[in-house]
Amino acid sequence: MKNNNRFAVIMAGGVGSRFWPVSTAEHPKQFHDMLGTGKSLLQQTFDRLQRVVPESQILVLTNQAYVSLVAEQLPKVYHDNIIAEPAMRNTAPCILFAALKIKLANPDAVFIVAPSDHFIEDEVAFISDVDLAMEYASREDVLLTLGIVPTFPNTGFGYIESGENLGAFKRVKQFREKPDLETAKEFLAAGTFYWNAGIFVWSARSVLSAFEKYQPEMIQLFSVFSEVQTTEETKARLAEVYPQAANISIDYAVMEPAQNVVVLPASFDWNDLGTWGALYEKLPKDAQNNAVVNARLLSKESNGNVISTTSNKRIVVKGLSNFMIVETHDTILIYPLSDEQSIKEISAEAARL
């Protein structure tokens, strides 16, 4: 259900370095059709959110270098709603600026903050959860996060520890850093922990109140945006003050110290698509459990591979298992999936070739 008090903020400034060579600093993964659906991850995110938020009230926060990419892929987004960060300052400053901009547009606004590069298959369940969360945040002074019910002891995600039940919601006891395997197993067994997906819902009033309490210096710095300005005035002031802001995430800046944080256990499936292995899990497989994107595969005695090419190329593979085979216009990567965490370092080495 859409209404005029609802807004959305899409976070689209990341580089996605673990998806090299497809994801690069010039063209990060959120702008790619990683799943072979015909739409980029950013476009899929926008399509989901416009089912609960008027498209004129969807903002996209991104790097200055990606503004033209956002405008090209999301022609329905108002130009003034594409917010370019003048400097890399993590998530807290850009969310604060978005909150101030939204509050000026509508003091009664409630908004969702969502990453641009995650995969959610059950969109009906997602819409239902977001509807429930937005309704709750519109009447309660809370900072709400959507927690993903863990399916295995993942050591690559942060966790949310829940406490008191509040109907469909739970009070958050604390946020926990990425655990080692034994700790992750304990979290899973406890049944009170959720993966932190970085999806937040709150009213503009509540989140700005939290910034005033826990980040007074940042609020003071951004106070120049508490009144209506022309687009050019806003850009000029943002370029001046933004680089002075603390380089801090919204989790550390506000969520961890706040006492009014609640979690809604998500009913939808979720994948952060953070690595080639994560992508492999979500792609359909052939009879030999190979996952293929934009390629034509002839596989001989090969299984468990993820294969991605440009322009639907032919790929012939024999005797290879559990590898990523990725081709772009200037790079071919053939690398074990078991060593995917080193992709970021390998990309830096390869850049020197």
Foldseek 3Di string as FASTA:
>chain_A
DEDAQEAEEEEAADQLLLAPPVGGNLRGQQLDPLQQPPAGLLLVVLVLCCVHYPQARYAYEYAPSCLVSCCVRCVSYDSLRDHHQLDQQAAPLVVLLSLLVSCQVPVLHKYKYAYSQKDFDPSVLVSVVVVVLQVVQSPDLAKEFAFELDDALDQPFKKWFFDDDDDLKTFTPAIGHRDPRVVSVVQNVVRRMGTGRPMIIHTSVNVVVQCVVQPVVSCVLPVVSNDDDDSVVVVVSSNVRSVVDHRDYCCVRGVGVDRRYMYRHGPTDIFSPSHPVSSLVPADADPQSEGEHLAAEDEACEHQEYEYEPNHYYDYDYPYYQWYFYYDPPDTDTGHVVPSVCSSVVVVVVVVD
